[in-house]
Amino acid sequence: MPQHIRPHDNKNQAIVAEHNELVPLVYFNVVRLKEGETYTAQLENYESVYVMATGSCDIKVKDELFEAVGNRMSLWEGKPDSVYVPLNMPVHVTCRSQTAEIYIAGGKIETTFEPFRVRPEDVGTIQYGSDDTKTHRRIQHVLSPNTQQGKGRLLVSELFTVGAGGWSGFPPHKHDEDRPPVETRYEEVYLFKFKPEWGFGAQFCYVKEDDFGPVFHLKDGSTILIDKGYHPCVAAPGYEMYYFTIIVGETHKDLLQYFEPAHAYQVETIPGIKDMIAGFKK
């Protein structure tokens, strides 16, 4: 059963910890620092990426120092600056700006790669949908199957509804079975933010086509854990919606999505959606 974690002050402790019962492939933390404050971590079984949501930090991975990572003042402006951290490597973060917020996305993996930086100019962008179809949105890929440096099965993106209100994750799709070339199994965690912050939305989750829900009421700071099933979401009219997306494959590096048959024809009616689908494959 999917899970909704309500907005709360996590005090820099993992929101989705290692070996989570529902989504054991995924790790997620939000770290908030003030100037001069530090944060250290080491994930034994997970590769990770430290995404600067706002602010600037020095990030040291083992013996390699990445200086002045991040320059965004707002989630809603520009692209993020990030650092990839291989499994079981110590990380030390020092805040350089007045405040900083870091999103840490992790994925279970068995192989060790090398640390690297994903600068804003390295972040791929796909914009698709339309106002007419109520599906207008933009995706900023921090880690995709096409990331040039070595990594495992961790995919990380920022997704924005373009304009006020509209649908995302539509047509309804799932990725909870390994049966390529139809579908590959990926677990997923979302963090939602709204502009203005009192905005809201809804997350639908259902395993069988004739199921009714559950449906979760999303507010600024909501976290959703999805292990299986179809999972479209929607932002209420008048509000922009952002969600930080962590998707981790069990065995495959390509995300193959299976669209609910009753709605799959809309893949042919939504402008640019095939480019979005292709962005999650090599």
C-alpha atoms as a PDB file:
ATOM      1  CA  MET A   1       0.000   0.000   0.000  1.00  0.00           C
ATOM      2  CA  PRO A   2       1.487   3.420  -0.928  1.00  0.00           C
ATOM      3  CA  GLN A   3       2.225   5.757   1.966  1.00  0.00           C
ATOM      4  CA  HIS A   4       1.794   9.500   2.572  1.00  0.00           C
ATOM      5  CA  ILE A   5       4.198  11.101   5.054  1.00  0.00           C
ATOM      6  CA  ARG A   6       2.750  14.410   6.191  1.00  0.00           C
ATOM      7  CA  PRO A   7       4.866  17.591   6.199  1.00  0.00           C
ATOM      8  CA  HIS A   8       6.982  17.820   9.339  1.00  0.00           C
ATOM      9  CA  ASP A   9      10.329  19.063  10.637  1.00  0.00           C
ATOM     10  CA  ASN A  10      12.533  16.012  10.123  1.00  0.00           C
ATOM     11  CA  LYS A  11      15.471  17.691  11.944  1.00  0.00           C
ATOM     12  CA  ASN A  12      17.879  16.488   9.205  1.00  0.00           C
ATOM     13  CA  GLN A  13      16.966  12.857   9.900  1.00  0.00           C
ATOM     14  CA  ALA A  14      16.065  10.616   6.956  1.00  0.00           C
ATOM     15  CA  ILE A  15      12.437  10.863   5.854  1.00  0.00           C
ATOM     16  CA  VAL A  16      12.808   7.514   4.065  1.00  0.00           C
ATOM     17  CA  ALA A  17      15.606   5.683   5.864  1.00  0.00           C
ATOM     18  CA  GLU A  18      17.773   2.846   4.603  1.00  0.00           C
ATOM     19  CA  HIS A  19      15.953  -0.482   4.187  1.00  0.00           C
ATOM     20  CA  ASN A  20      12.510   1.096   4.415  1.00  0.00           C
ATOM     21  CA  GLU A  21       9.867  -1.619   4.678  1.00  0.00           C
ATOM     22  CA  LEU A  22       7.731  -0.342   1.785  1.00  0.00           C
ATOM     23  CA  VAL A  23      10.417   0.975  -0.599  1.00  0.00           C
ATOM     24  CA  PRO A  24      13.712  -0.670   0.433  1.00  0.00           C
ATOM     25  CA  LEU A  25      15.432   0.421  -2.796  1.00  0.00           C
ATOM     26  CA  VAL A  26      15.031   4.149  -1.966  1.00  0.00           C
ATOM     27  CA  TYR A  27      16.605   6.568   0.526  1.00  0.00           C
ATOM     28  CA  PHE A  28      15.479  10.180   1.002  1.00  0.00           C
ATOM     29  CA  ASN A  29      16.461  13.006   3.320  1.00  0.00           C
ATOM     30  CA  VAL A  30      15.979  16.773   3.474  1.00  0.00           C
ATOM     31  CA  VAL A  31      18.828  18.637   5.190  1.00  0.00           C
ATOM     32  CA  ARG A  32      18.508  22.292   6.240  1.00  0.00           C
ATOM     33  CA  LEU A  33      21.622  24.191   7.320  1.00  0.00           C
ATOM     34  CA  LYS A  34      22.585  27.714   8.346  1.00  0.00           C
ATOM     35  CA  GLU A  35      25.858  29.397   7.402  1.00  0.00           C
ATOM     36  CA  GLY A  36      28.816  27.525   8.892  1.00  0.00           C
ATOM     37  CA  GLU A  37      26.778  24.501   9.965  1.00  0.00           C
ATOM     38  CA  THR A  38      27.823  21.041   8.827  1.00  0.00           C
ATOM     39  CA  TYR A  39      26.236  17.693   8.022  1.00  0.00           C
ATOM     40  CA  THR A  40      27.956  14.309   7.664  1.00  0.00           C
ATOM     41  CA  ALA A  41      26.679  10.963   6.399  1.00  0.00           C
ATOM     42  CA  GLN A  42      27.721   7.624   4.945  1.00  0.00           C
ATOM     43  CA  LEU A  43      25.246   5.250   3.252  1.00  0.00           C
ATOM     44  CA  GLU A  44      26.618   1.737   3.283  1.00  0.00           C
ATOM     45  CA  ASN A  45      24.354   0.179   0.637  1.00  0.00           C
ATOM     46  CA  TYR A  46      23.113   3.188  -1.369  1.00  0.00           C
ATOM     47  CA  GLU A  47      24.528   5.441  -4.051  1.00  0.00           C
ATOM     48  CA  SER A  48      23.177   8.970  -3.612  1.00  0.00           C
ATOM     49  CA  VAL A  49      23.034  12.451  -5.062  1.00  0.00           C
ATOM     50  CA  TYR A  50      23.090  15.659  -3.001  1.00  0.00           C
ATOM     51  CA  VAL A  51      20.837  18.115  -4.822  1.00  0.00           C
ATOM     52  CA  MET A  52      21.049  21.750  -3.765  1.00  0.00           C
ATOM     53  CA  ALA A  53      17.432  22.843  -3.606  1.00  0.00           C
ATOM     54  CA  THR A  54      18.488  26.311  -2.413  1.00  0.00           C
ATOM     55  CA  GLY A  55      21.653  27.900  -1.124  1.00  0.00           C
ATOM     56  CA  SER A  56      25.318  26.960  -1.513  1.00  0.00           C
ATOM     57  CA  CYS A  57      27.531  24.380   0.220  1.00  0.00           C
ATOM     58  CA  ASP A  58      30.965  22.833   0.025  1.00  0.00           C
ATOM     59  CA  ILE A  59      30.532  19.073  -0.346  1.00  0.00           C
ATOM     60  CA  LYS A  60      33.462  16.757   0.375  1.00  0.00           C
ATOM     61  CA  VAL A  61      33.150  13.131  -0.765  1.00  0.00           C
ATOM     62  CA  LYS A  62      35.913  11.076   0.834  1.00  0.00           C
ATOM     63  CA  ASP A  63      39.001  13.072  -0.274  1.00  0.00           C
ATOM     64  CA  GLU A  64      37.427  15.040  -3.139  1.00  0.00           C
ATOM     65  CA  LEU A  65      36.103  18.539  -2.435  1.00  0.00           C
ATOM     66  CA  PHE A  66      33.369  20.122  -4.538  1.00  0.00           C
ATOM     67  CA  GLU A  67      33.321  23.825  -3.700  1.00  0.00           C
ATOM     68  CA  ALA A  68      30.423  26.286  -3.778  1.00  0.00           C
ATOM     69  CA  VAL A  69      27.810  23.801  -4.981  1.00  0.00           C
ATOM     70  CA  GLY A  70      24.505  25.556  -5.625  1.00  0.00           C
ATOM     71  CA  ASN A  71      23.405  29.129  -6.288  1.00  0.00           C
ATOM     72  CA  ARG A  72      19.600  28.974  -6.467  1.00  0.00           C
ATOM     73  CA  MET A  73      17.606  31.205  -4.174  1.00  0.00           C
ATOM     74  CA  SER A  74      14.318  29.506  -5.039  1.00  0.00           C
ATOM     75  CA  LEU A  75      13.207  26.064  -6.217  1.00  0.00           C
ATOM     76  CA  TRP A  76      11.158  27.811  -8.871  1.00  0.00           C
ATOM     77  CA  GLU A  77      14.073  29.489 -10.612  1.00  0.00           C
ATOM     78  CA  GLY A  78      16.858  27.840 -12.593  1.00  0.00           C
ATOM     79  CA  LYS A  79      18.374  24.376 -12.398  1.00  0.00           C
ATOM     80  CA  PRO A  80      19.969  22.624  -9.428  1.00  0.00           C
ATOM     81  CA  ASP A  81      23.658  21.995  -8.765  1.00  0.00           C
ATOM     82  CA  SER A  82      24.371  18.512  -7.386  1.00  0.00           C
ATOM     83  CA  VAL A  83      27.048  16.008  -6.338  1.00  0.00           C
ATOM     84  CA  TYR A  84      26.884  12.240  -6.912  1.00  0.00           C
ATOM     85  CA  VAL A  85      28.143  10.093  -4.023  1.00  0.00           C
ATOM     86  CA  PRO A  86      29.054   6.402  -4.510  1.00  0.00           C
ATOM     87  CA  LEU A  87      27.885   3.829  -1.992  1.00  0.00           C
ATOM     88  CA  ASN A  88      29.677   3.626   1.349  1.00  0.00           C
ATOM     89  CA  MET A  89      31.628   6.883   0.911  1.00  0.00           C
ATOM     90  CA  PRO A  90      31.742   9.485   3.699  1.00  0.00           C
ATOM     91  CA  VAL A  91      30.234  12.900   2.905  1.00  0.00           C
ATOM     92  CA  HIS A  92      30.884  16.162   4.729  1.00  0.00           C
ATOM     93  CA  VAL A  93      28.742  19.204   3.877  1.00  0.00           C
ATOM     94  CA  THR A  94      29.476  22.774   5.006  1.00  0.00           C
ATOM     95  CA  CYS A  95      26.956  25.558   4.415  1.00  0.00           C
ATOM     96  CA  ARG A  96      28.429  28.673   2.730  1.00  0.00           C
ATOM     97  CA  SER A  97      25.236  30.713   2.283  1.00  0.00           C
ATOM     98  CA  GLN A  98      22.959  32.228   4.893  1.00  0.00           C
ATOM     99  CA  THR A  99      20.758  29.122   4.661  1.00  0.00           C
ATOM    100  CA  ALA A 100      20.694  26.028   2.468  1.00  0.00           C
ATOM    101  CA  GLU A 101      18.321  23.168   1.783  1.00  0.00           C
ATOM    102  CA  ILE A 102      19.650  19.904   0.347  1.00  0.00           C
ATOM    103  CA  TYR A 103      17.625  17.018  -1.036  1.00  0.00           C
ATOM    104  CA  ILE A 104      19.480  13.710  -0.680  1.00  0.00           C
ATOM    105  CA  ALA A 105      18.230  10.959  -2.986  1.00  0.00           C
ATOM    106  CA  GLY A 106      19.583   7.432  -2.651  1.00  0.00           C
ATOM    107  CA  GLY A 107      19.230   4.141  -4.495  1.00  0.00           C
ATOM    108  CA  LYS A 108      20.301   0.656  -3.469  1.00  0.00           C
ATOM    109  CA  ILE A 109      23.206  -0.619  -5.565  1.00  0.00           C
ATOM    110  CA  GLU A 110      25.984  -3.211  -5.422  1.00  0.00           C
ATOM    111  CA  THR A 111      28.681  -1.432  -7.466  1.00  0.00           C
ATOM    112  CA  THR A 112      30.969   1.447  -6.503  1.00  0.00           C
ATOM    113  CA  PHE A 113      31.522   4.268  -8.996  1.00  0.00           C
ATOM    114  CA  GLU A 114      33.367   7.596  -8.748  1.00  0.00           C
ATOM    115  CA  PRO A 115      31.974  10.843  -7.315  1.00  0.00           C
ATOM    116  CA  PHE A 116      31.098  13.601  -9.779  1.00  0.00           C
ATOM    117  CA  ARG A 117      29.311  16.923  -9.977  1.00  0.00           C
ATOM    118  CA  VAL A 118      26.133  17.569 -11.950  1.00  0.00           C
ATOM    119  CA  ARG A 119      26.266  21.279 -12.751  1.00  0.00           C
ATOM    120  CA  PRO A 120      23.129  23.196 -13.775  1.00  0.00           C
ATOM    121  CA  GLU A 121      24.258  23.160 -17.423  1.00  0.00           C
ATOM    122  CA  ASP A 122      24.428  19.339 -17.248  1.00  0.00           C
ATOM    123  CA  VAL A 123      20.781  19.030 -16.193  1.00  0.00           C
ATOM    124  CA  GLY A 124      18.633  17.932 -19.134  1.00  0.00           C
ATOM    125  CA  THR A 125      15.226  19.540 -19.619  1.00  0.00           C
ATOM    126  CA  ILE A 126      12.088  18.182 -21.269  1.00  0.00           C
ATOM    127  CA  GLN A 127       8.899  20.219 -21.529  1.00  0.00           C
ATOM    128  CA  TYR A 128       5.737  18.563 -22.784  1.00  0.00           C
ATOM    129  CA  GLY A 129       1.960  18.607 -22.653  1.00  0.00           C
ATOM    130  CA  SER A 130      -0.228  21.652 -23.177  1.00  0.00           C
ATOM    131  CA  ASP A 131      -2.626  23.977 -21.409  1.00  0.00           C
ATOM    132  CA  ASP A 132      -5.450  22.524 -23.504  1.00  0.00           C
ATOM    133  CA  THR A 133      -4.779  18.972 -22.274  1.00  0.00           C
ATOM    134  CA  LYS A 134      -4.155  20.194 -18.670  1.00  0.00           C
ATOM    135  CA  THR A 135      -0.849  18.286 -18.721  1.00  0.00           C
ATOM    136  CA  HIS A 136       1.703  21.065 -19.245  1.00  0.00           C
ATOM    137  CA  ARG A 137       4.870  20.339 -17.322  1.00  0.00           C
ATOM    138  CA  ARG A 138       8.677  20.550 -17.297  1.00  0.00           C
ATOM    139  CA  ILE A 139      11.142  17.866 -16.183  1.00  0.00           C
ATOM    140  CA  GLN A 140      14.720  18.636 -15.124  1.00  0.00           C
ATOM    141  CA  HIS A 141      16.789  15.430 -15.096  1.00  0.00           C
ATOM    142  CA  VAL A 142      19.565  15.439 -12.488  1.00  0.00           C
ATOM    143  CA  LEU A 143      20.369  11.738 -12.992  1.00  0.00           C
ATOM    144  CA  SER A 144      18.904   9.944 -15.998  1.00  0.00           C
ATOM    145  CA  PRO A 145      19.756   6.743 -17.887  1.00  0.00           C
ATOM    146  CA  ASN A 146      21.782   9.009 -20.198  1.00  0.00           C
ATOM    147  CA  THR A 147      24.011  10.478 -17.468  1.00  0.00           C
ATOM    148  CA  GLN A 148      27.535  10.266 -18.888  1.00  0.00           C
ATOM    149  CA  GLN A 149      29.386   9.326 -15.701  1.00  0.00           C
ATOM    150  CA  GLY A 150      29.113   5.909 -14.099  1.00  0.00           C
ATOM    151  CA  LYS A 151      26.173   5.326 -11.786  1.00  0.00           C
ATOM    152  CA  GLY A 152      23.707   2.596 -10.882  1.00  0.00           C
ATOM    153  CA  ARG A 153      19.898   2.488 -11.175  1.00  0.00           C
ATOM    154  CA  LEU A 154      19.121   5.775  -9.413  1.00  0.00           C
ATOM    155  CA  LEU A 155      17.042   8.267 -11.421  1.00  0.00           C
ATOM    156  CA  VAL A 156      16.443  11.748  -9.973  1.00  0.00           C
ATOM    157  CA  SER A 157      14.424  14.599 -11.454  1.00  0.00           C
ATOM    158  CA  GLU A 158      12.641  17.824 -10.624  1.00  0.00           C
ATOM    159  CA  LEU A 159       9.124  18.081 -12.092  1.00  0.00           C
ATOM    160  CA  PHE A 160       7.082  21.257 -12.423  1.00  0.00           C
ATOM    161  CA  THR A 161       3.536  21.859 -13.510  1.00  0.00           C
ATOM    162  CA  VAL A 162       3.733  24.700 -16.032  1.00  0.00           C
ATOM    163  CA  GLY A 163       1.042  27.263 -15.277  1.00  0.00           C
ATOM    164  CA  ALA A 164      -1.524  27.013 -12.504  1.00  0.00           C
ATOM    165  CA  GLY A 165      -3.081  23.597 -11.933  1.00  0.00           C
ATOM    166  CA  GLY A 166      -3.047  20.480 -14.082  1.00  0.00           C
ATOM    167  CA  TRP A 167      -2.204  16.798 -14.196  1.00  0.00           C
ATOM    168  CA  SER A 168       1.088  14.939 -13.957  1.00  0.00           C
ATOM    169  CA  GLY A 169       1.975  11.262 -14.231  1.00  0.00           C
ATOM    170  CA  PHE A 170      -0.769  11.086 -16.813  1.00  0.00           C
ATOM    171  CA  PRO A 171      -1.965   8.953 -18.535  1.00  0.00           C
ATOM    172  CA  PRO A 172      -1.935   6.675 -15.474  1.00  0.00           C
ATOM    173  CA  HIS A 173       1.056   4.361 -15.602  1.00  0.00           C
ATOM    174  CA  LYS A 174       2.913   1.879 -13.447  1.00  0.00           C
ATOM    175  CA  HIS A 175       6.349   0.251 -13.264  1.00  0.00           C
ATOM    176  CA  ASP A 176       6.125  -2.503 -10.647  1.00  0.00           C
ATOM    177  CA  GLU A 177       7.008  -5.630 -12.665  1.00  0.00           C
ATOM    178  CA  ASP A 178      10.149  -6.689 -14.507  1.00  0.00           C
ATOM    179  CA  ARG A 179       8.825  -7.741 -17.910  1.00  0.00           C
ATOM    180  CA  PRO A 180      10.817  -5.858 -20.538  1.00  0.00           C
ATOM    181  CA  PRO A 181      10.233  -4.518 -23.118  1.00  0.00           C
ATOM    182  CA  VAL A 182       6.763  -3.784 -21.642  1.00  0.00           C
ATOM    183  CA  GLU A 183       7.700  -2.656 -18.132  1.00  0.00           C
ATOM    184  CA  THR A 184      10.538  -2.581 -15.586  1.00  0.00           C
ATOM    185  CA  ARG A 185      10.259  -2.547 -11.796  1.00  0.00           C
ATOM    186  CA  TYR A 186      11.081   0.741 -10.075  1.00  0.00           C
ATOM    187  CA  GLU A 187      10.205   2.017  -6.600  1.00  0.00           C
ATOM    188  CA  GLU A 188       9.456   5.710  -6.253  1.00  0.00           C
ATOM    189  CA  VAL A 189       9.446   8.532  -3.689  1.00  0.00           C
ATOM    190  CA  TYR A 190       8.127  12.071  -4.264  1.00  0.00           C
ATOM    191  CA  LEU A 191       8.527  15.287  -2.268  1.00  0.00           C
ATOM    192  CA  PHE A 192       5.883  17.899  -3.176  1.00  0.00           C
ATOM    193  CA  LYS A 193       6.098  21.692  -2.951  1.00  0.00           C
ATOM    194  CA  PHE A 194       3.506  24.280  -3.995  1.00  0.00           C
ATOM    195  CA  LYS A 195       3.557  27.906  -5.134  1.00  0.00           C
ATOM    196  CA  PRO A 196       2.121  29.675  -3.259  1.00  0.00           C
ATOM    197  CA  GLU A 197       2.885  27.375  -0.338  1.00  0.00           C
ATOM    198  CA  TRP A 198      -0.758  27.039   0.716  1.00  0.00           C
ATOM    199  CA  GLY A 199      -1.518  25.295  -2.585  1.00  0.00           C
ATOM    200  CA  PHE A 200      -2.571  21.663  -2.660  1.00  0.00           C
ATOM    201  CA  GLY A 201      -3.119  18.666  -4.898  1.00  0.00           C
ATOM    202  CA  ALA A 202      -4.003  14.978  -4.887  1.00  0.00           C
ATOM    203  CA  GLN A 203      -2.030  11.773  -5.433  1.00  0.00           C
ATOM    204  CA  PHE A 204      -3.934   8.793  -6.815  1.00  0.00           C
ATOM    205  CA  CYS A 205      -2.605   5.271  -6.175  1.00  0.00           C
ATOM    206  CA  TYR A 206      -4.317   2.084  -7.297  1.00  0.00           C
ATOM    207  CA  VAL A 207      -3.033  -1.369  -8.187  1.00  0.00           C
ATOM    208  CA  LYS A 208      -5.920  -2.753 -10.253  1.00  0.00           C
ATOM    209  CA  GLU A 209      -7.808  -0.862 -12.921  1.00  0.00           C
ATOM    210  CA  ASP A 210     -11.124  -1.223 -11.061  1.00  0.00           C
ATOM    211  CA  ASP A 211      -9.741  -0.158  -7.649  1.00  0.00           C
ATOM    212  CA  PHE A 212     -10.915   3.012  -5.897  1.00  0.00           C
ATOM    213  CA  GLY A 213      -7.873   4.762  -4.452  1.00  0.00           C
ATOM    214  CA  PRO A 214      -6.349   5.381  -2.102  1.00  0.00           C
ATOM    215  CA  VAL A 215      -6.137   9.114  -2.851  1.00  0.00           C
ATOM    216  CA  PHE A 216      -3.863  11.327  -0.730  1.00  0.00           C
ATOM    217  CA  HIS A 217      -4.331  15.038  -0.021  1.00  0.00           C
ATOM    218  CA  LEU A 218      -1.013  16.698  -0.918  1.00  0.00           C
ATOM    219  CA  LYS A 219       0.252  19.818   0.823  1.00  0.00           C
ATOM    220  CA  ASP A 220       3.563  21.682   0.749  1.00  0.00           C
ATOM    221  CA  GLY A 221       6.147  19.208   2.090  1.00  0.00           C
ATOM    222  CA  SER A 222       4.134  16.016   1.551  1.00  0.00           C
ATOM    223  CA  THR A 223       6.193  12.886   0.791  1.00  0.00           C
ATOM    224  CA  ILE A 224       4.693   9.953  -1.110  1.00  0.00           C
ATOM    225  CA  LEU A 225       6.142   6.412  -1.163  1.00  0.00           C
ATOM    226  CA  ILE A 226       5.044   4.171  -4.043  1.00  0.00           C
ATOM    227  CA  ASP A 227       5.963   0.512  -4.329  1.00  0.00           C
ATOM    228  CA  LYS A 228       3.432  -0.489  -6.990  1.00  0.00           C
ATOM    229  CA  GLY A 229       0.376   0.518  -8.958  1.00  0.00           C
ATOM    230  CA  TYR A 230      -0.809   3.410 -11.112  1.00  0.00           C
ATOM    231  CA  HIS A 231      -0.019   6.842  -9.682  1.00  0.00           C
ATOM    232  CA  PRO A 232      -1.206  10.007 -11.485  1.00  0.00           C
ATOM    233  CA  CYS A 233      -1.361  13.251  -9.507  1.00  0.00           C
ATOM    234  CA  VAL A 234      -2.976  16.657  -9.932  1.00  0.00           C
ATOM    235  CA  ALA A 235      -2.469  20.225  -8.729  1.00  0.00           C
ATOM    236  CA  ALA A 236      -5.502  22.361  -7.865  1.00  0.00           C
ATOM    237  CA  PRO A 237      -6.349  25.316 -10.146  1.00  0.00           C
ATOM    238  CA  GLY A 238      -4.418  28.482  -9.333  1.00  0.00           C
ATOM    239  CA  TYR A 239      -1.348  26.673  -7.896  1.00  0.00           C
ATOM    240  CA  GLU A 240       1.984  25.594  -9.309  1.00  0.00           C
ATOM    241  CA  MET A 241       3.284  22.199  -8.176  1.00  0.00           C
ATOM    242  CA  TYR A 242       6.889  20.965  -7.897  1.00  0.00           C
ATOM    243  CA  TYR A 243       7.884  17.470  -7.034  1.00  0.00           C
ATOM    244  CA  PHE A 244      11.298  16.012  -6.402  1.00  0.00           C
ATOM    245  CA  THR A 245      11.323  12.514  -7.849  1.00  0.00           C
ATOM    246  CA  ILE A 246      13.483   9.557  -6.800  1.00  0.00           C
ATOM    247  CA  ILE A 247      13.006   6.420  -8.895  1.00  0.00           C
ATOM    248  CA  VAL A 248      15.176   3.341  -8.284  1.00  0.00           C
ATOM    249  CA  GLY A 249      15.233   0.211 -10.435  1.00  0.00           C
ATOM    250  CA  GLU A 250      15.458  -3.237  -8.967  1.00  0.00           C
ATOM    251  CA  THR A 251      17.391  -4.808 -11.851  1.00  0.00           C
ATOM    252  CA  HIS A 252      17.233  -2.488 -14.904  1.00  0.00           C
ATOM    253  CA  LYS A 253      18.715   0.951 -15.663  1.00  0.00           C
ATOM    254  CA  ASP A 254      15.927   1.846 -18.116  1.00  0.00           C
ATOM    255  CA  LEU A 255      12.528   2.885 -16.765  1.00  0.00           C
ATOM    256  CA  LEU A 256       9.830   1.279 -18.925  1.00  0.00           C
ATOM    257  CA  GLN A 257       6.343   2.540 -18.071  1.00  0.00           C
ATOM    258  CA  TYR A 258       3.146   0.570 -18.632  1.00  0.00           C
ATOM    259  CA  PHE A 259       0.139   2.803 -19.292  1.00  0.00           C
ATOM    260  CA  GLU A 260      -3.281   1.788 -18.054  1.00  0.00           C
ATOM    261  CA  PRO A 261      -4.990   0.365 -21.165  1.00  0.00           C
ATOM    262  CA  ALA A 262      -8.202   2.413 -20.850  1.00  0.00           C
ATOM    263  CA  HIS A 263      -6.216   5.658 -20.983  1.00  0.00           C
ATOM    264  CA  ALA A 264      -3.153   4.672 -23.025  1.00  0.00           C
ATOM    265  CA  TYR A 265      -4.550   6.258 -26.215  1.00  0.00           C
ATOM    266  CA  GLN A 266      -3.844   9.676 -24.694  1.00  0.00           C
ATOM    267  CA  VAL A 267      -0.129   9.086 -25.251  1.00  0.00           C
ATOM    268  CA  GLU A 268      -1.035   9.960 -28.861  1.00  0.00           C
ATOM    269  CA  THR A 269      -2.894  13.168 -27.922  1.00  0.00           C
ATOM    270  CA  ILE A 270      -0.534  14.876 -25.435  1.00  0.00           C
ATOM    271  CA  PRO A 271       2.147  16.944 -27.226  1.00  0.00           C
ATOM    272  CA  GLY A 272       5.719  15.855 -26.549  1.00  0.00           C
ATOM    273  CA  ILE A 273       4.899  13.030 -24.151  1.00  0.00           C
ATOM    274  CA  LYS A 274       6.838  10.495 -26.227  1.00  0.00           C
ATOM    275  CA  ASP A 275       9.974  12.590 -25.704  1.00  0.00           C
ATOM    276  CA  MET A 276       9.298  12.461 -21.954  1.00  0.00           C
ATOM    277  CA  ILE A 277       8.970   8.664 -22.068  1.00  0.00           C
ATOM    278  CA  ALA A 278      12.177   8.389 -24.076  1.00  0.00           C
ATOM    279  CA  GLY A 279      14.010  10.545 -21.504  1.00  0.00           C
ATOM    280  CA  PHE A 280      13.860   7.675 -18.988  1.00  0.00           C
ATOM    281  CA  LYS A 281      15.562   5.245 -21.399  1.00  0.00           C
ATOM    282  CA  LYS A 282      19.043   5.027 -22.875  1.00  0.00           C
END
